Amino acid sequence: MNKNKSKEKFMANPIERHDTAAWRGHIENVKPQSNVPIPSEESVQNAKEWVDTNSLS
């Protein structure tokens, strides 16, 4: 059977880009065990404003 090589190439590329995400703006600190970034209050407000203005409804 032939493999679908174009599908394999497509699956290797990430779908989401977190480099430009609103929550990455200003990271205040990181949780010690899980390394989860905690955003600043300003970043949370900016992300909420972006979601509110770009919602489908």
PDB file of N, CA and C in Angstrom:
ATOM      1  N   MET A   1       0.820  -1.183   0.000  1.00  0.00           N
ATOM      2  CA  MET A   1       0.000   0.000   0.000  1.00  0.00           C
ATOM      3  C   MET A   1       0.867   1.250   0.000  1.00  0.00           C
ATOM      4  N   ASN A   2       0.466   2.237  -0.744  1.00  0.00           N
ATOM      5  CA  ASN A   2       1.209   3.500  -0.775  1.00  0.00           C
ATOM      6  C   ASN A   2       0.836   4.352   0.428  1.00  0.00           C
ATOM      7  N   LYS A   3       1.847   4.975   0.973  1.00  0.00           N
ATOM      8  CA  LYS A   3       1.582   5.886   2.088  1.00  0.00           C
ATOM      9  C   LYS A   3       1.265   7.266   1.540  1.00  0.00           C
ATOM     10  N   ASN A   4       0.465   7.987   2.274  1.00  0.00           N
ATOM     11  CA  ASN A   4       0.124   9.347   1.893  1.00  0.00           C
ATOM     12  C   ASN A   4       1.174  10.279   2.497  1.00  0.00           C
ATOM     13  N   LYS A   5       2.224  10.558   1.753  1.00  0.00           N
ATOM     14  CA  LYS A   5       3.349  11.330   2.268  1.00  0.00           C
ATOM     15  C   LYS A   5       2.982  12.791   2.489  1.00  0.00           C
ATOM     16  N   SER A   6       2.084  13.338   1.690  1.00  0.00           N
ATOM     17  CA  SER A   6       1.699  14.735   1.896  1.00  0.00           C
ATOM     18  C   SER A   6       0.969  14.889   3.229  1.00  0.00           C
ATOM     19  N   LYS A   7       0.191  13.901   3.614  1.00  0.00           N
ATOM     20  CA  LYS A   7      -0.490  13.947   4.905  1.00  0.00           C
ATOM     21  C   LYS A   7       0.533  13.906   6.033  1.00  0.00           C
ATOM     22  N   GLU A   8       1.551  13.105   5.892  1.00  0.00           N
ATOM     23  CA  GLU A   8       2.588  13.015   6.923  1.00  0.00           C
ATOM     24  C   GLU A   8       3.311  14.347   7.082  1.00  0.00           C
ATOM     25  N   LYS A   9       3.576  15.022   5.962  1.00  0.00           N
ATOM     26  CA  LYS A   9       4.241  16.319   6.031  1.00  0.00           C
ATOM     27  C   LYS A   9       3.347  17.344   6.708  1.00  0.00           C
ATOM     28  N   PHE A  10       2.052  17.316   6.376  1.00  0.00           N
ATOM     29  CA  PHE A  10       1.116  18.267   6.961  1.00  0.00           C
ATOM     30  C   PHE A  10       0.960  18.026   8.462  1.00  0.00           C
ATOM     31  N   MET A  11       0.925  16.784   8.876  1.00  0.00           N
ATOM     32  CA  MET A  11       0.734  16.458  10.281  1.00  0.00           C
ATOM     33  C   MET A  11       1.945  16.864  11.118  1.00  0.00           C
ATOM     34  N   ALA A  12       3.092  17.021  10.499  1.00  0.00           N
ATOM     35  CA  ALA A  12       4.286  17.397  11.234  1.00  0.00           C
ATOM     36  C   ALA A  12       4.284  18.879  11.611  1.00  0.00           C
ATOM     37  N   ASN A  13       3.528  19.700  10.880  1.00  0.00           N
ATOM     38  CA  ASN A  13       3.482  21.129  11.154  1.00  0.00           C
ATOM     39  C   ASN A  13       2.491  21.431  12.275  1.00  0.00           C
ATOM     40  N   PRO A  14       2.862  22.271  13.230  1.00  0.00           N
ATOM     41  CA  PRO A  14       1.914  22.624  14.289  1.00  0.00           C
ATOM     42  C   PRO A  14       0.781  23.477  13.733  1.00  0.00           C
ATOM     43  N   ILE A  15      -0.393  23.303  14.277  1.00  0.00           N
ATOM     44  CA  ILE A  15      -1.563  24.042  13.816  1.00  0.00           C
ATOM     45  C   ILE A  15      -1.602  25.421  14.458  1.00  0.00           C
ATOM     46  N   GLU A  16      -1.293  25.477  15.726  1.00  0.00           N
ATOM     47  CA  GLU A  16      -1.372  26.736  16.450  1.00  0.00           C
ATOM     48  C   GLU A  16       0.005  27.350  16.627  1.00  0.00           C
ATOM     49  N   ARG A  17       0.039  28.664  16.615  1.00  0.00           N
ATOM     50  CA  ARG A  17       1.283  29.374  16.888  1.00  0.00           C
ATOM     51  C   ARG A  17       1.093  30.138  18.188  1.00  0.00           C
ATOM     52  N   HIS A  18       1.842  29.778  19.190  1.00  0.00           N
ATOM     53  CA  HIS A  18       1.718  30.419  20.484  1.00  0.00           C
ATOM     54  C   HIS A  18       2.692  31.580  20.642  1.00  0.00           C
ATOM     55  N   ASP A  19       3.478  31.849  19.616  1.00  0.00           N
ATOM     56  CA  ASP A  19       4.435  32.951  19.698  1.00  0.00           C
ATOM     57  C   ASP A  19       3.745  34.302  19.803  1.00  0.00           C
ATOM     58  N   THR A  20       2.603  34.442  19.149  1.00  0.00           N
ATOM     59  CA  THR A  20       1.908  35.719  19.132  1.00  0.00           C
ATOM     60  C   THR A  20       0.681  35.727  20.031  1.00  0.00           C
ATOM     61  N   ALA A  21       0.546  34.745  20.879  1.00  0.00           N
ATOM     62  CA  ALA A  21      -0.622  34.659  21.751  1.00  0.00           C
ATOM     63  C   ALA A  21      -0.642  35.802  22.753  1.00  0.00           C
ATOM     64  N   ALA A  22      -1.843  36.265  23.067  1.00  0.00           N
ATOM     65  CA  ALA A  22      -1.991  37.396  23.986  1.00  0.00           C
ATOM     66  C   ALA A  22      -1.510  37.048  25.384  1.00  0.00           C
ATOM     67  N   TRP A  23      -1.655  35.803  25.784  1.00  0.00           N
ATOM     68  CA  TRP A  23      -1.277  35.432  27.147  1.00  0.00           C
ATOM     69  C   TRP A  23       0.232  35.353  27.335  1.00  0.00           C
ATOM     70  N   ARG A  24       0.994  35.422  26.270  1.00  0.00           N
ATOM     71  CA  ARG A  24       2.450  35.373  26.399  1.00  0.00           C
ATOM     72  C   ARG A  24       3.077  36.743  26.597  1.00  0.00           C
ATOM     73  N   GLY A  25       2.247  37.780  26.645  1.00  0.00           N
ATOM     74  CA  GLY A  25       2.753  39.139  26.721  1.00  0.00           C
ATOM     75  C   GLY A  25       3.682  39.398  27.886  1.00  0.00           C
ATOM     76  N   HIS A  26       3.176  39.299  29.073  1.00  0.00           N
ATOM     77  CA  HIS A  26       3.967  39.569  30.267  1.00  0.00           C
ATOM     78  C   HIS A  26       3.730  38.439  31.262  1.00  0.00           C
ATOM     79  N   ILE A  27       4.690  37.554  31.365  1.00  0.00           N
ATOM     80  CA  ILE A  27       4.583  36.440  32.305  1.00  0.00           C
ATOM     81  C   ILE A  27       5.171  36.901  33.629  1.00  0.00           C
ATOM     82  N   GLU A  28       4.325  36.892  34.671  1.00  0.00           N
ATOM     83  CA  GLU A  28       4.784  37.342  35.984  1.00  0.00           C
ATOM     84  C   GLU A  28       5.678  36.311  36.658  1.00  0.00           C
ATOM     85  N   ASN A  29       5.196  35.078  36.700  1.00  0.00           N
ATOM     86  CA  ASN A  29       5.990  34.015  37.312  1.00  0.00           C
ATOM     87  C   ASN A  29       5.567  32.673  36.742  1.00  0.00           C
ATOM     88  N   VAL A  30       6.204  31.623  37.208  1.00  0.00           N
ATOM     89  CA  VAL A  30       5.956  30.272  36.713  1.00  0.00           C
ATOM     90  C   VAL A  30       5.717  29.366  37.909  1.00  0.00           C
ATOM     91  N   LYS A  31       4.699  28.494  37.788  1.00  0.00           N
ATOM     92  CA  LYS A  31       4.451  27.538  38.871  1.00  0.00           C
ATOM     93  C   LYS A  31       5.636  26.585  38.974  1.00  0.00           C
ATOM     94  N   PRO A  32       6.092  26.298  40.186  1.00  0.00           N
ATOM     95  CA  PRO A  32       7.344  25.548  40.349  1.00  0.00           C
ATOM     96  C   PRO A  32       7.332  24.128  39.782  1.00  0.00           C
ATOM     97  N   GLN A  33       6.308  23.352  40.060  1.00  0.00           N
ATOM     98  CA  GLN A  33       6.331  21.946  39.623  1.00  0.00           C
ATOM     99  C   GLN A  33       5.918  21.773  38.176  1.00  0.00           C
ATOM    100  N   SER A  34       4.885  22.502  37.753  1.00  0.00           N
ATOM    101  CA  SER A  34       4.342  22.263  36.416  1.00  0.00           C
ATOM    102  C   SER A  34       4.908  23.180  35.343  1.00  0.00           C
ATOM    103  N   ASN A  35       5.661  24.214  35.718  1.00  0.00           N
ATOM    104  CA  ASN A  35       6.209  25.195  34.781  1.00  0.00           C
ATOM    105  C   ASN A  35       5.129  25.900  33.964  1.00  0.00           C
ATOM    106  N   VAL A  36       3.949  26.095  34.568  1.00  0.00           N
ATOM    107  CA  VAL A  36       2.853  26.795  33.920  1.00  0.00           C
ATOM    108  C   VAL A  36       3.063  28.294  34.108  1.00  0.00           C
ATOM    109  N   PRO A  37       3.089  29.067  33.025  1.00  0.00           N
ATOM    110  CA  PRO A  37       3.295  30.508  33.168  1.00  0.00           C
ATOM    111  C   PRO A  37       2.041  31.197  33.701  1.00  0.00           C
ATOM    112  N   ILE A  38       2.225  32.120  34.635  1.00  0.00           N
ATOM    113  CA  ILE A  38       1.139  32.908  35.190  1.00  0.00           C
ATOM    114  C   ILE A  38       1.246  34.303  34.565  1.00  0.00           C
ATOM    115  N   PRO A  39       0.238  34.708  33.758  1.00  0.00           N
ATOM    116  CA  PRO A  39       0.322  36.006  33.092  1.00  0.00           C
ATOM    117  C   PRO A  39       0.026  37.150  34.059  1.00  0.00           C
ATOM    118  N   SER A  40       0.423  38.346  33.669  1.00  0.00           N
ATOM    119  CA  SER A  40       0.120  39.527  34.469  1.00  0.00           C
ATOM    120  C   SER A  40      -1.355  39.886  34.295  1.00  0.00           C
ATOM    121  N   GLU A  41      -1.847  40.717  35.174  1.00  0.00           N
ATOM    122  CA  GLU A  41      -3.244  41.162  35.104  1.00  0.00           C
ATOM    123  C   GLU A  41      -3.505  41.906  33.788  1.00  0.00           C
ATOM    124  N   GLU A  42      -2.547  42.677  33.352  1.00  0.00           N
ATOM    125  CA  GLU A  42      -2.674  43.424  32.095  1.00  0.00           C
ATOM    126  C   GLU A  42      -2.814  42.469  30.907  1.00  0.00           C
ATOM    127  N   SER A  43      -2.042  41.392  30.894  1.00  0.00           N
ATOM    128  CA  SER A  43      -2.121  40.422  29.798  1.00  0.00           C
ATOM    129  C   SER A  43      -3.476  39.729  29.777  1.00  0.00           C
ATOM    130  N   VAL A  44      -4.016  39.442  30.954  1.00  0.00           N
ATOM    131  CA  VAL A  44      -5.336  38.801  31.028  1.00  0.00           C
ATOM    132  C   VAL A  44      -6.400  39.752  30.494  1.00  0.00           C
ATOM    133  N   GLN A  45      -6.325  41.023  30.855  1.00  0.00           N
ATOM    134  CA  GLN A  45      -7.297  42.007  30.366  1.00  0.00           C
ATOM    135  C   GLN A  45      -7.181  42.178  28.849  1.00  0.00           C
ATOM    136  N   ASN A  46      -5.968  42.237  28.337  1.00  0.00           N
ATOM    137  CA  ASN A  46      -5.783  42.356  26.885  1.00  0.00           C
ATOM    138  C   ASN A  46      -6.335  41.146  26.143  1.00  0.00           C
ATOM    139  N   ALA A  47      -6.127  39.969  26.686  1.00  0.00           N
ATOM    140  CA  ALA A  47      -6.634  38.750  26.058  1.00  0.00           C
ATOM    141  C   ALA A  47      -8.157  38.740  26.066  1.00  0.00           C
ATOM    142  N   LYS A  48      -8.753  39.163  27.174  1.00  0.00           N
ATOM    143  CA  LYS A  48     -10.219  39.209  27.257  1.00  0.00           C
ATOM    144  C   LYS A  48     -10.784  40.216  26.259  1.00  0.00           C
ATOM    145  N   GLU A  49     -10.175  41.381  26.150  1.00  0.00           N
ATOM    146  CA  GLU A  49     -10.629  42.379  25.182  1.00  0.00           C
ATOM    147  C   GLU A  49     -10.532  41.830  23.760  1.00  0.00           C
ATOM    148  N   TRP A  50      -9.455  41.135  23.452  1.00  0.00           N
ATOM    149  CA  TRP A  50      -9.282  40.575  22.105  1.00  0.00           C
ATOM    150  C   TRP A  50     -10.372  39.550  21.817  1.00  0.00           C
ATOM    151  N   VAL A  51     -10.671  38.697  22.791  1.00  0.00           N
ATOM    152  CA  VAL A  51     -11.713  37.675  22.600  1.00  0.00           C
ATOM    153  C   VAL A  51     -13.069  38.338  22.431  1.00  0.00           C
ATOM    154  N   ASP A  52     -13.345  39.354  23.232  1.00  0.00           N
ATOM    155  CA  ASP A  52     -14.640  40.033  23.137  1.00  0.00           C
ATOM    156  C   ASP A  52     -14.833  40.732  21.803  1.00  0.00           C
ATOM    157  N   THR A  53     -13.795  41.335  21.260  1.00  0.00           N
ATOM    158  CA  THR A  53     -13.933  42.052  20.001  1.00  0.00           C
ATOM    159  C   THR A  53     -13.904  41.126  18.791  1.00  0.00           C
ATOM    160  N   ASN A  54     -13.316  39.945  18.925  1.00  0.00           N
ATOM    161  CA  ASN A  54     -13.199  39.020  17.793  1.00  0.00           C
ATOM    162  C   ASN A  54     -14.101  37.809  17.921  1.00  0.00           C
ATOM    163  N   SER A  55     -15.140  37.891  18.733  1.00  0.00           N
ATOM    164  CA  SER A  55     -16.044  36.750  18.881  1.00  0.00           C
ATOM    165  C   SER A  55     -16.991  36.670  17.692  1.00  0.00           C
ATOM    166  N   LEU A  56     -17.561  35.513  17.465  1.00  0.00           N
ATOM    167  CA  LEU A  56     -18.438  35.288  16.324  1.00  0.00           C
ATOM    168  C   LEU A  56     -19.824  35.876  16.537  1.00  0.00           C
ATOM    169  N   SER A  57     -20.236  36.036  17.767  1.00  0.00           N
ATOM    170  CA  SER A  57     -21.601  36.530  17.997  1.00  0.00           C
ATOM    171  C   SER A  57     -21.675  38.032  18.083  1.00  0.00           C
TER     172      SER A  57
END
